[in-house]
Amino acid sequence: AERFDRVCHLAAQAGVRHSITNPSVYVSSNIQGFLNILEAARSTPVD
């Protein structure tokens, strides 16, 4: 819908120590979430 020229992807689950006790959220937010951003940039290219 927006046809972005550029993307600054800063969203993520932060925190080193939190990742030790809550690993699953890092997979869903940081790995799967980033893959979704890349797939969106693949379907609607950005500069």
ModelCIF file with pLDDT and N, C-alpha, C, O atoms, coordinates in Angstrom:
data_MODEL
#
_entry.id   MODEL 
#
_entity.id                         1 
_entity.type                       polymer 
_entity.pdbx_number_of_molecules   1 
#
_entity_poly.entity_id                      1 
_entity_poly.type                           'polypeptide(L)' 
_entity_poly.nstd_linkage                   no 
_entity_poly.nstd_monomer                   no 
_entity_poly.pdbx_seq_one_letter_code       AERFDRVCHLAAQAGVRHSITNPSVYVSSNIQGFLNILEAARSTPVD 
_entity_poly.pdbx_seq_one_letter_code_can   AERFDRVCHLAAQAGVRHSITNPSVYVSSNIQGFLNILEAARSTPVD 
_entity_poly.pdbx_strand_id                 A 
#
loop_
_entity_poly_seq.entity_id 
_entity_poly_seq.num 
_entity_poly_seq.mon_id 
_entity_poly_seq.hetero 
1 1  ALA n 
1 2  GLU n 
1 3  ARG n 
1 4  PHE n 
1 5  ASP n 
1 6  ARG n 
1 7  VAL n 
1 8  CYS n 
1 9  HIS n 
1 10 LEU n 
1 11 ALA n 
1 12 ALA n 
1 13 GLN n 
1 14 ALA n 
1 15 GLY n 
1 16 VAL n 
1 17 ARG n 
1 18 HIS n 
1 19 SER n 
1 20 ILE n 
1 21 THR n 
1 22 ASN n 
1 23 PRO n 
1 24 SER n 
1 25 VAL n 
1 26 TYR n 
1 27 VAL n 
1 28 SER n 
1 29 SER n 
1 30 ASN n 
1 31 ILE n 
1 32 GLN n 
1 33 GLY n 
1 34 PHE n 
1 35 LEU n 
1 36 ASN n 
1 37 ILE n 
1 38 LEU n 
1 39 GLU n 
1 40 ALA n 
1 41 ALA n 
1 42 ARG n 
1 43 SER n 
1 44 THR n 
1 45 PRO n 
1 46 VAL n 
1 47 ASP n 
#
_struct_asym.id          A 
_struct_asym.entity_id   1 
#
loop_
_ma_qa_metric.id 
_ma_qa_metric.mode 
_ma_qa_metric.name 
_ma_qa_metric.software_group_id 
_ma_qa_metric.type 
1 global pLDDT . pLDDT 
2 local  pLDDT . pLDDT 
#
_ma_qa_metric_global.metric_id      1 
_ma_qa_metric_global.metric_value   90.55 
_ma_qa_metric_global.model_id       1 
_ma_qa_metric_global.ordinal_id     1 
#
loop_
_ma_qa_metric_local.label_asym_id 
_ma_qa_metric_local.label_comp_id 
_ma_qa_metric_local.label_seq_id 
_ma_qa_metric_local.metric_id 
_ma_qa_metric_local.metric_value 
_ma_qa_metric_local.model_id 
_ma_qa_metric_local.ordinal_id 
A ALA 1  2 97.00 1 1  
A GLU 2  2 97.00 1 2  
A ARG 3  2 98.00 1 3  
A PHE 4  2 98.00 1 4  
A ASP 5  2 97.00 1 5  
A ARG 6  2 98.00 1 6  
A VAL 7  2 98.00 1 7  
A CYS 8  2 98.00 1 8  
A HIS 9  2 98.00 1 9  
A LEU 10 2 97.00 1 10 
A ALA 11 2 95.00 1 11 
A ALA 12 2 89.00 1 12 
A GLN 13 2 82.00 1 13 
A ALA 14 2 82.00 1 14 
A GLY 15 2 75.00 1 15 
A VAL 16 2 74.00 1 16 
A ARG 17 2 74.00 1 17 
A HIS 18 2 77.00 1 18 
A SER 19 2 77.00 1 19 
A ILE 20 2 78.00 1 20 
A THR 21 2 76.00 1 21 
A ASN 22 2 80.00 1 22 
A PRO 23 2 81.00 1 23 
A SER 24 2 80.00 1 24 
A VAL 25 2 83.00 1 25 
A TYR 26 2 87.00 1 26 
A VAL 27 2 86.00 1 27 
A SER 28 2 84.00 1 28 
A SER 29 2 88.00 1 29 
A ASN 30 2 91.00 1 30 
A ILE 31 2 93.00 1 31 
A GLN 32 2 94.00 1 32 
A GLY 33 2 94.00 1 33 
A PHE 34 2 97.00 1 34 
A LEU 35 2 97.00 1 35 
A ASN 36 2 97.00 1 36 
A ILE 37 2 98.00 1 37 
A LEU 38 2 98.00 1 38 
A GLU 39 2 98.00 1 39 
A ALA 40 2 98.00 1 40 
A ALA 41 2 97.00 1 41 
A ARG 42 2 97.00 1 42 
A SER 43 2 97.00 1 43 
A THR 44 2 97.00 1 44 
A PRO 45 2 96.00 1 45 
A VAL 46 2 97.00 1 46 
A ASP 47 2 96.00 1 47 
#
loop_
_atom_site.group_PDB 
_atom_site.id 
_atom_site.type_symbol 
_atom_site.label_atom_id 
_atom_site.label_alt_id 
_atom_site.label_comp_id 
_atom_site.label_asym_id 
_atom_site.label_entity_id 
_atom_site.label_seq_id 
_atom_site.pdbx_PDB_ins_code 
_atom_site.Cartn_x 
_atom_site.Cartn_y 
_atom_site.Cartn_z 
_atom_site.occupancy 
_atom_site.B_iso_or_equiv 
_atom_site.pdbx_formal_charge 
_atom_site.auth_seq_id 
_atom_site.auth_comp_id 
_atom_site.auth_asym_id 
_atom_site.auth_atom_id 
_atom_site.pdbx_PDB_model_num 
ATOM 1   N N  . ALA A 1 1  ? 0.818  -1.216  0.000  1.00 97.00 ? 1  ALA A N  1 
ATOM 2   C CA . ALA A 1 1  ? 0.000  0.000   0.000  1.00 97.00 ? 1  ALA A CA 1 
ATOM 3   C C  . ALA A 1 1  ? 0.852  1.266   0.000  1.00 97.00 ? 1  ALA A C  1 
ATOM 4   O O  . ALA A 1 1  ? 0.488  2.253   -0.639 1.00 97.00 ? 1  ALA A O  1 
ATOM 5   N N  . GLU A 1 2  ? 1.983  1.248   0.710  1.00 97.00 ? 2  GLU A N  1 
ATOM 6   C CA . GLU A 1 2  ? 2.771  2.469   0.907  1.00 97.00 ? 2  GLU A CA 1 
ATOM 7   C C  . GLU A 1 2  ? 3.918  2.652   -0.081 1.00 97.00 ? 2  GLU A C  1 
ATOM 8   O O  . GLU A 1 2  ? 4.352  3.779   -0.317 1.00 97.00 ? 2  GLU A O  1 
ATOM 9   N N  . ARG A 1 3  ? 4.416  1.561   -0.661 1.00 98.00 ? 3  ARG A N  1 
ATOM 10  C CA . ARG A 1 3  ? 5.520  1.649   -1.633 1.00 98.00 ? 3  ARG A CA 1 
ATOM 11  C C  . ARG A 1 3  ? 6.703  2.453   -1.079 1.00 98.00 ? 3  ARG A C  1 
ATOM 12  O O  . ARG A 1 3  ? 7.043  3.514   -1.602 1.00 98.00 ? 3  ARG A O  1 
ATOM 13  N N  . PHE A 1 4  ? 7.311  1.939   -0.032 1.00 98.00 ? 4  PHE A N  1 
ATOM 14  C CA . PHE A 1 4  ? 8.417  2.641   0.627  1.00 98.00 ? 4  PHE A CA 1 
ATOM 15  C C  . PHE A 1 4  ? 9.647  2.726   -0.274 1.00 98.00 ? 4  PHE A C  1 
ATOM 16  O O  . PHE A 1 4  ? 9.954  1.804   -1.030 1.00 98.00 ? 4  PHE A O  1 
ATOM 17  N N  . ASP A 1 5  ? 10.333 3.851   -0.171 1.00 97.00 ? 5  ASP A N  1 
ATOM 18  C CA . ASP A 1 5  ? 11.627 3.973   -0.839 1.00 97.00 ? 5  ASP A CA 1 
ATOM 19  C C  . ASP A 1 5  ? 12.694 3.233   -0.035 1.00 97.00 ? 5  ASP A C  1 
ATOM 20  O O  . ASP A 1 5  ? 13.525 2.518   -0.596 1.00 97.00 ? 5  ASP A O  1 
ATOM 21  N N  . ARG A 1 6  ? 12.661 3.414   1.286  1.00 98.00 ? 6  ARG A N  1 
ATOM 22  C CA . ARG A 1 6  ? 13.666 2.807   2.148  1.00 98.00 ? 6  ARG A CA 1 
ATOM 23  C C  . ARG A 1 6  ? 13.010 2.326   3.439  1.00 98.00 ? 6  ARG A C  1 
ATOM 24  O O  . ARG A 1 6  ? 11.941 2.794   3.832  1.00 98.00 ? 6  ARG A O  1 
ATOM 25  N N  . VAL A 1 7  ? 13.676 1.391   4.076  1.00 98.00 ? 7  VAL A N  1 
ATOM 26  C CA . VAL A 1 7  ? 13.165 0.814   5.318  1.00 98.00 ? 7  VAL A CA 1 
ATOM 27  C C  . VAL A 1 7  ? 14.279 0.827   6.362  1.00 98.00 ? 7  VAL A C  1 
ATOM 28  O O  . VAL A 1 7  ? 15.410 0.436   6.075  1.00 98.00 ? 7  VAL A O  1 
ATOM 29  N N  . CYS A 1 8  ? 13.954 1.282   7.582  1.00 98.00 ? 8  CYS A N  1 
ATOM 30  C CA . CYS A 1 8  ? 14.857 1.201   8.726  1.00 98.00 ? 8  CYS A CA 1 
ATOM 31  C C  . CYS A 1 8  ? 14.224 0.232   9.715  1.00 98.00 ? 8  CYS A C  1 
ATOM 32  O O  . CYS A 1 8  ? 13.289 0.587   10.433 1.00 98.00 ? 8  CYS A O  1 
ATOM 33  N N  . HIS A 1 9  ? 14.729 -0.970  9.748  1.00 98.00 ? 9  HIS A N  1 
ATOM 34  C CA . HIS A 1 9  ? 14.140 -2.016  10.586 1.00 98.00 ? 9  HIS A CA 1 
ATOM 35  C C  . HIS A 1 9  ? 14.879 -2.097  11.911 1.00 98.00 ? 9  HIS A C  1 
ATOM 36  O O  . HIS A 1 9  ? 15.953 -2.692  12.000 1.00 98.00 ? 9  HIS A O  1 
ATOM 37  N N  . LEU A 1 10 ? 14.293 -1.492  12.943 1.00 97.00 ? 10 LEU A N  1 
ATOM 38  C CA . LEU A 1 10 ? 14.898 -1.457  14.265 1.00 97.00 ? 10 LEU A CA 1 
ATOM 39  C C  . LEU A 1 10 ? 14.116 -2.271  15.298 1.00 97.00 ? 10 LEU A C  1 
ATOM 40  O O  . LEU A 1 10 ? 14.614 -2.530  16.393 1.00 97.00 ? 10 LEU A O  1 
ATOM 41  N N  . ALA A 1 11 ? 12.901 -2.671  14.952 1.00 95.00 ? 11 ALA A N  1 
ATOM 42  C CA . ALA A 1 11 ? 12.065 -3.417  15.889 1.00 95.00 ? 11 ALA A CA 1 
ATOM 43  C C  . ALA A 1 11 ? 12.661 -4.797  16.143 1.00 95.00 ? 11 ALA A C  1 
ATOM 44  O O  . ALA A 1 11 ? 13.058 -5.493  15.208 1.00 95.00 ? 11 ALA A O  1 
ATOM 45  N N  . ALA A 1 12 ? 12.719 -5.183  17.410 1.00 89.00 ? 12 ALA A N  1 
ATOM 46  C CA . ALA A 1 12 ? 13.220 -6.506  17.780 1.00 89.00 ? 12 ALA A CA 1 
ATOM 47  C C  . ALA A 1 12 ? 12.987 -6.715  19.266 1.00 89.00 ? 12 ALA A C  1 
ATOM 48  O O  . ALA A 1 12 ? 12.794 -5.761  20.019 1.00 89.00 ? 12 ALA A O  1 
ATOM 49  N N  . GLN A 1 13 ? 13.008 -7.963  19.674 1.00 82.00 ? 13 GLN A N  1 
ATOM 50  C CA . GLN A 1 13 ? 13.021 -8.254  21.096 1.00 82.00 ? 13 GLN A CA 1 
ATOM 51  C C  . GLN A 1 13 ? 14.448 -8.066  21.593 1.00 82.00 ? 13 GLN A C  1 
ATOM 52  O O  . GLN A 1 13 ? 15.360 -8.789  21.190 1.00 82.00 ? 13 GLN A O  1 
ATOM 53  N N  . ALA A 1 14 ? 14.627 -7.091  22.469 1.00 82.00 ? 14 ALA A N  1 
ATOM 54  C CA . ALA A 1 14 ? 15.965 -6.758  22.955 1.00 82.00 ? 14 ALA A CA 1 
ATOM 55  C C  . ALA A 1 14 ? 16.283 -7.527  24.229 1.00 82.00 ? 14 ALA A C  1 
ATOM 56  O O  . ALA A 1 14 ? 15.421 -8.185  24.811 1.00 82.00 ? 14 ALA A O  1 
ATOM 57  N N  . GLY A 1 15 ? 17.547 -7.428  24.649 1.00 75.00 ? 15 GLY A N  1 
ATOM 58  C CA . GLY A 1 15 ? 17.951 -7.956  25.944 1.00 75.00 ? 15 GLY A CA 1 
ATOM 59  C C  . GLY A 1 15 ? 18.682 -9.279  25.877 1.00 75.00 ? 15 GLY A C  1 
ATOM 60  O O  . GLY A 1 15 ? 18.132 -10.278 25.414 1.00 75.00 ? 15 GLY A O  1 
ATOM 61  N N  . VAL A 1 16 ? 19.925 -9.285  26.338 1.00 74.00 ? 16 VAL A N  1 
ATOM 62  C CA . VAL A 1 16 ? 20.723 -10.509 26.363 1.00 74.00 ? 16 VAL A CA 1 
ATOM 63  C C  . VAL A 1 16 ? 20.202 -11.478 27.416 1.00 74.00 ? 16 VAL A C  1 
ATOM 64  O O  . VAL A 1 16 ? 19.962 -12.647 27.114 1.00 74.00 ? 16 VAL A O  1 
ATOM 65  N N  . ARG A 1 17 ? 20.025 -11.006 28.648 1.00 74.00 ? 17 ARG A N  1 
ATOM 66  C CA . ARG A 1 17 ? 19.637 -11.905 29.738 1.00 74.00 ? 17 ARG A CA 1 
ATOM 67  C C  . ARG A 1 17 ? 18.211 -12.422 29.568 1.00 74.00 ? 17 ARG A C  1 
ATOM 68  O O  . ARG A 1 17 ? 17.915 -13.555 29.947 1.00 74.00 ? 17 ARG A O  1 
ATOM 69  N N  . HIS A 1 18 ? 17.331 -11.605 29.003 1.00 77.00 ? 18 HIS A N  1 
ATOM 70  C CA . HIS A 1 18 ? 15.960 -12.040 28.768 1.00 77.00 ? 18 HIS A CA 1 
ATOM 71  C C  . HIS A 1 18 ? 15.911 -13.209 27.790 1.00 77.00 ? 18 HIS A C  1 
ATOM 72  O O  . HIS A 1 18 ? 15.017 -14.052 27.864 1.00 77.00 ? 18 HIS A O  1 
ATOM 73  N N  . SER A 1 19 ? 16.878 -13.255 26.875 1.00 77.00 ? 19 SER A N  1 
ATOM 74  C CA . SER A 1 19 ? 16.880 -14.328 25.874 1.00 77.00 ? 19 SER A CA 1 
ATOM 75  C C  . SER A 1 19 ? 17.203 -15.682 26.494 1.00 77.00 ? 19 SER A C  1 
ATOM 76  O O  . SER A 1 19 ? 16.872 -16.717 25.916 1.00 77.00 ? 19 SER A O  1 
ATOM 77  N N  . ILE A 1 20 ? 17.841 -15.691 27.657 1.00 78.00 ? 20 ILE A N  1 
ATOM 78  C CA . ILE A 1 20 ? 18.182 -16.946 28.318 1.00 78.00 ? 20 ILE A CA 1 
ATOM 79  C C  . ILE A 1 20 ? 16.943 -17.599 28.934 1.00 78.00 ? 20 ILE A C  1 
ATOM 80  O O  . ILE A 1 20 ? 16.824 -18.824 28.961 1.00 78.00 ? 20 ILE A O  1 
ATOM 81  N N  . THR A 1 21 ? 16.037 -16.778 29.422 1.00 76.00 ? 21 THR A N  1 
ATOM 82  C CA . THR A 1 21 ? 14.842 -17.301 30.090 1.00 76.00 ? 21 THR A CA 1 
ATOM 83  C C  . THR A 1 21 ? 13.600 -17.310 29.205 1.00 76.00 ? 21 THR A C  1 
ATOM 84  O O  . THR A 1 21 ? 12.625 -17.999 29.508 1.00 76.00 ? 21 THR A O  1 
ATOM 85  N N  . ASN A 1 22 ? 13.632 -16.549 28.113 1.00 80.00 ? 22 ASN A N  1 
ATOM 86  C CA . ASN A 1 22 ? 12.466 -16.475 27.217 1.00 80.00 ? 22 ASN A CA 1 
ATOM 87  C C  . ASN A 1 22 ? 12.910 -16.608 25.758 1.00 80.00 ? 22 ASN A C  1 
ATOM 88  O O  . ASN A 1 22 ? 12.733 -15.676 24.975 1.00 80.00 ? 22 ASN A O  1 
ATOM 89  N N  . PRO A 1 23 ? 13.479 -17.748 25.388 1.00 81.00 ? 23 PRO A N  1 
ATOM 90  C CA . PRO A 1 23 ? 14.067 -17.871 24.044 1.00 81.00 ? 23 PRO A CA 1 
ATOM 91  C C  . PRO A 1 23 ? 13.072 -17.798 22.893 1.00 81.00 ? 23 PRO A C  1 
ATOM 92  O O  . PRO A 1 23 ? 13.403 -17.284 21.825 1.00 81.00 ? 23 PRO A O  1 
ATOM 93  N N  . SER A 1 24 ? 11.859 -18.304 23.092 1.00 80.00 ? 24 SER A N  1 
ATOM 94  C CA . SER A 1 24 ? 10.925 -18.405 21.968 1.00 80.00 ? 24 SER A CA 1 
ATOM 95  C C  . SER A 1 24 ? 10.557 -17.054 21.373 1.00 80.00 ? 24 SER A C  1 
ATOM 96  O O  . SER A 1 24 ? 10.343 -16.951 20.165 1.00 80.00 ? 24 SER A O  1 
ATOM 97  N N  . VAL A 1 25 ? 10.481 -16.008 22.207 1.00 83.00 ? 25 VAL A N  1 
ATOM 98  C CA . VAL A 1 25 ? 10.092 -14.699 21.698 1.00 83.00 ? 25 VAL A CA 1 
ATOM 99  C C  . VAL A 1 25 ? 11.158 -14.134 20.762 1.00 83.00 ? 25 VAL A C  1 
ATOM 100 O O  . VAL A 1 25 ? 10.841 -13.336 19.880 1.00 83.00 ? 25 VAL A O  1 
ATOM 101 N N  . TYR A 1 26 ? 12.410 -14.536 20.939 1.00 87.00 ? 26 TYR A N  1 
ATOM 102 C CA . TYR A 1 26 ? 13.485 -14.058 20.074 1.00 87.00 ? 26 TYR A CA 1 
ATOM 103 C C  . TYR A 1 26 ? 13.400 -14.707 18.689 1.00 87.00 ? 26 TYR A C  1 
ATOM 104 O O  . TYR A 1 26 ? 13.785 -14.108 17.684 1.00 87.00 ? 26 TYR A O  1 
ATOM 105 N N  . VAL A 1 27 ? 12.896 -15.929 18.655 1.00 86.00 ? 27 VAL A N  1 
ATOM 106 C CA . VAL A 1 27 ? 12.703 -16.590 17.372 1.00 86.00 ? 27 VAL A CA 1 
ATOM 107 C C  . VAL A 1 27 ? 11.542 -15.952 16.615 1.00 86.00 ? 27 VAL A C  1 
ATOM 108 O O  . VAL A 1 27 ? 11.653 -15.668 15.422 1.00 86.00 ? 27 VAL A O  1 
ATOM 109 N N  . SER A 1 28 ? 10.430 -15.727 17.309 1.00 84.00 ? 28 SER A N  1 
ATOM 110 C CA . SER A 1 28 ? 9.248  -15.166 16.638 1.00 84.00 ? 28 SER A CA 1 
ATOM 111 C C  . SER A 1 28 ? 9.438  -13.702 16.251 1.00 84.00 ? 28 SER A C  1 
ATOM 112 O O  . SER A 1 28 ? 9.060  -13.301 15.151 1.00 84.00 ? 28 SER A O  1 
ATOM 113 N N  . SER A 1 29 ? 10.020 -12.902 17.144 1.00 88.00 ? 29 SER A N  1 
ATOM 114 C CA . SER A 1 29 ? 10.164 -11.472 16.861 1.00 88.00 ? 29 SER A CA 1 
ATOM 115 C C  . SER A 1 29 ? 11.364 -11.164 15.975 1.00 88.00 ? 29 SER A C  1 
ATOM 116 O O  . SER A 1 29 ? 11.243 -10.433 14.992 1.00 88.00 ? 29 SER A O  1 
ATOM 117 N N  . ASN A 1 30 ? 12.522 -11.723 16.324 1.00 91.00 ? 30 ASN A N  1 
ATOM 118 C CA . ASN A 1 30 ? 13.758 -11.312 15.664 1.00 91.00 ? 30 ASN A CA 1 
ATOM 119 C C  . ASN A 1 30 ? 14.076 -12.103 14.406 1.00 91.00 ? 30 ASN A C  1 
ATOM 120 O O  . ASN A 1 30 ? 14.638 -11.560 13.455 1.00 91.00 ? 30 ASN A O  1 
ATOM 121 N N  . ILE A 1 31 ? 13.723 -13.372 14.397 1.00 93.00 ? 31 ILE A N  1 
ATOM 122 C CA . ILE A 1 31 ? 14.030 -14.198 13.222 1.00 93.00 ? 31 ILE A CA 1 
ATOM 123 C C  . ILE A 1 31 ? 12.842 -14.253 12.262 1.00 93.00 ? 31 ILE A C  1 
ATOM 124 O O  . ILE A 1 31 ? 12.975 -13.893 11.092 1.00 93.00 ? 31 ILE A O  1 
ATOM 125 N N  . GLN A 1 32 ? 11.687 -14.698 12.747 1.00 94.00 ? 32 GLN A N  1 
ATOM 126 C CA . GLN A 1 32 ? 10.516 -14.734 11.872 1.00 94.00 ? 32 GLN A CA 1 
ATOM 127 C C  . GLN A 1 32 ? 10.076 -13.329 11.475 1.00 94.00 ? 32 GLN A C  1 
ATOM 128 O O  . GLN A 1 32 ? 9.704  -13.093 10.325 1.00 94.00 ? 32 GLN A O  1 
ATOM 129 N N  . GLY A 1 33 ? 10.118 -12.399 12.422 1.00 94.00 ? 33 GLY A N  1 
ATOM 130 C CA . GLY A 1 33 ? 9.720  -11.022 12.113 1.00 94.00 ? 33 GLY A CA 1 
ATOM 131 C C  . GLY A 1 33 ? 10.596 -10.404 11.048 1.00 94.00 ? 33 GLY A C  1 
ATOM 132 O O  . GLY A 1 33 ? 10.096 -9.711  10.162 1.00 94.00 ? 33 GLY A O  1 
ATOM 133 N N  . PHE A 1 34 ? 11.905 -10.643 11.118 1.00 97.00 ? 34 PHE A N  1 
ATOM 134 C CA . PHE A 1 34 ? 12.816 -10.104 10.112 1.00 97.00 ? 34 PHE A CA 1 
ATOM 135 C C  . PHE A 1 34 ? 12.581 -10.763 8.756  1.00 97.00 ? 34 PHE A C  1 
ATOM 136 O O  . PHE A 1 34 ? 12.636 -10.103 7.719  1.00 97.00 ? 34 PHE A O  1 
ATOM 137 N N  . LEU A 1 35 ? 12.319 -12.064 8.772  1.00 97.00 ? 35 LEU A N  1 
ATOM 138 C CA . LEU A 1 35 ? 12.009 -12.754 7.512  1.00 97.00 ? 35 LEU A CA 1 
ATOM 139 C C  . LEU A 1 35 ? 10.767 -12.144 6.860  1.00 97.00 ? 35 LEU A C  1 
ATOM 140 O O  . LEU A 1 35 ? 10.719 -12.003 5.638  1.00 97.00 ? 35 LEU A O  1 
ATOM 141 N N  . ASN A 1 36 ? 9.770  -11.783 7.656  1.00 97.00 ? 36 ASN A N  1 
ATOM 142 C CA . ASN A 1 36 ? 8.562  -11.161 7.110  1.00 97.00 ? 36 ASN A CA 1 
ATOM 143 C C  . ASN A 1 36 ? 8.867  -9.806  6.467  1.00 97.00 ? 36 ASN A C  1 
ATOM 144 O O  . ASN A 1 36 ? 8.286  -9.460  5.439  1.00 97.00 ? 36 ASN A O  1 
ATOM 145 N N  . ILE A 1 37 ? 9.776  -9.044  7.073  1.00 98.00 ? 37 ILE A N  1 
ATOM 146 C CA . ILE A 1 37 ? 10.199 -7.766  6.486  1.00 98.00 ? 37 ILE A CA 1 
ATOM 147 C C  . ILE A 1 37 ? 10.890 -8.011  5.143  1.00 98.00 ? 37 ILE A C  1 
ATOM 148 O O  . ILE A 1 37 ? 10.616 -7.315  4.166  1.00 98.00 ? 37 ILE A O  1 
ATOM 149 N N  . LEU A 1 38 ? 11.775 -8.989  5.097  1.00 98.00 ? 38 LEU A N  1 
ATOM 150 C CA . LEU A 1 38 ? 12.479 -9.298  3.843  1.00 98.00 ? 38 LEU A CA 1 
ATOM 151 C C  . LEU A 1 38 ? 11.518 -9.790  2.763  1.00 98.00 ? 38 LEU A C  1 
ATOM 152 O O  . LEU A 1 38 ? 11.654 -9.424  1.595  1.00 98.00 ? 38 LEU A O  1 
ATOM 153 N N  . GLU A 1 39 ? 10.563 -10.606 3.144  1.00 98.00 ? 39 GLU A N  1 
ATOM 154 C CA . GLU A 1 39 ? 9.587  -11.094 2.173  1.00 98.00 ? 39 GLU A CA 1 
ATOM 155 C C  . GLU A 1 39 ? 8.730  -9.956  1.629  1.00 98.00 ? 39 GLU A C  1 
ATOM 156 O O  . GLU A 1 39 ? 8.378  -9.938  0.449  1.00 98.00 ? 39 GLU A O  1 
ATOM 157 N N  . ALA A 1 40 ? 8.398  -9.006  2.506  1.00 98.00 ? 40 ALA A N  1 
ATOM 158 C CA . ALA A 1 40 ? 7.632  -7.840  2.052  1.00 98.00 ? 40 ALA A CA 1 
ATOM 159 C C  . ALA A 1 40 ? 8.458  -7.002  1.084  1.00 98.00 ? 40 ALA A C  1 
ATOM 160 O O  . ALA A 1 40 ? 7.935  -6.503  0.088  1.00 98.00 ? 40 ALA A O  1 
ATOM 161 N N  . ALA A 1 41 ? 9.762  -6.846  1.380  1.00 97.00 ? 41 ALA A N  1 
ATOM 162 C CA . ALA A 1 41 ? 10.647 -6.095  0.495  1.00 97.00 ? 41 ALA A CA 1 
ATOM 163 C C  . ALA A 1 41 ? 10.887 -6.839  -0.816 1.00 97.00 ? 41 ALA A C  1 
ATOM 164 O O  . ALA A 1 41 ? 11.185 -6.230  -1.843 1.00 97.00 ? 41 ALA A O  1 
ATOM 165 N N  . ARG A 1 42 ? 10.754 -8.145  -0.768 1.00 97.00 ? 42 ARG A N  1 
ATOM 166 C CA . ARG A 1 42 ? 10.862 -8.943  -1.997 1.00 97.00 ? 42 ARG A CA 1 
ATOM 167 C C  . ARG A 1 42 ? 9.631  -8.764  -2.873 1.00 97.00 ? 42 ARG A C  1 
ATOM 168 O O  . ARG A 1 42 ? 9.745  -8.655  -4.094 1.00 97.00 ? 42 ARG A O  1 
ATOM 169 N N  . SER A 1 43 ? 8.448  -8.733  -2.252 1.00 97.00 ? 43 SER A N  1 
ATOM 170 C CA . SER A 1 43 ? 7.207  -8.617  -3.031 1.00 97.00 ? 43 SER A CA 1 
ATOM 171 C C  . SER A 1 43 ? 6.963  -7.190  -3.501 1.00 97.00 ? 43 SER A C  1 
ATOM 172 O O  . SER A 1 43 ? 6.397  -6.975  -4.573 1.00 97.00 ? 43 SER A O  1 
ATOM 173 N N  . THR A 1 44 ? 7.389  -6.214  -2.702 1.00 97.00 ? 44 THR A N  1 
ATOM 174 C CA . THR A 1 44 ? 7.290  -4.800  -3.084 1.00 97.00 ? 44 THR A CA 1 
ATOM 175 C C  . THR A 1 44 ? 8.670  -4.189  -2.878 1.00 97.00 ? 44 THR A C  1 
ATOM 176 O O  . THR A 1 44 ? 8.983  -3.740  -1.776 1.00 97.00 ? 44 THR A O  1 
ATOM 177 N N  . PRO A 1 45 ? 9.498  -4.164  -3.912 1.00 96.00 ? 45 PRO A N  1 
ATOM 178 C CA . PRO A 1 45 ? 10.914 -3.786  -3.755 1.00 96.00 ? 45 PRO A CA 1 
ATOM 179 C C  . PRO A 1 45 ? 11.121 -2.394  -3.159 1.00 96.00 ? 45 PRO A C  1 
ATOM 180 O O  . PRO A 1 45 ? 10.340 -1.471  -3.391 1.00 96.00 ? 45 PRO A O  1 
ATOM 181 N N  . VAL A 1 46 ? 12.194 -2.279  -2.388 1.00 97.00 ? 46 VAL A N  1 
ATOM 182 C CA . VAL A 1 46 ? 12.618 -1.007  -1.804 1.00 97.00 ? 46 VAL A CA 1 
ATOM 183 C C  . VAL A 1 46 ? 14.033 -0.720  -2.279 1.00 97.00 ? 46 VAL A C  1 
ATOM 184 O O  . VAL A 1 46 ? 14.756 -1.632  -2.678 1.00 97.00 ? 46 VAL A O  1 
ATOM 185 N N  . ASP A 1 47 ? 14.430 0.554   -2.236 1.00 96.00 ? 47 ASP A N  1 
ATOM 186 C CA . ASP A 1 47 ? 15.768 0.947   -2.682 1.00 96.00 ? 47 ASP A CA 1 
ATOM 187 C C  . ASP A 1 47 ? 16.859 0.546   -1.692 1.00 96.00 ? 47 ASP A C  1 
ATOM 188 O O  . ASP A 1 47 ? 18.038 0.810   -1.932 1.00 96.00 ? 47 ASP A O  1 
#
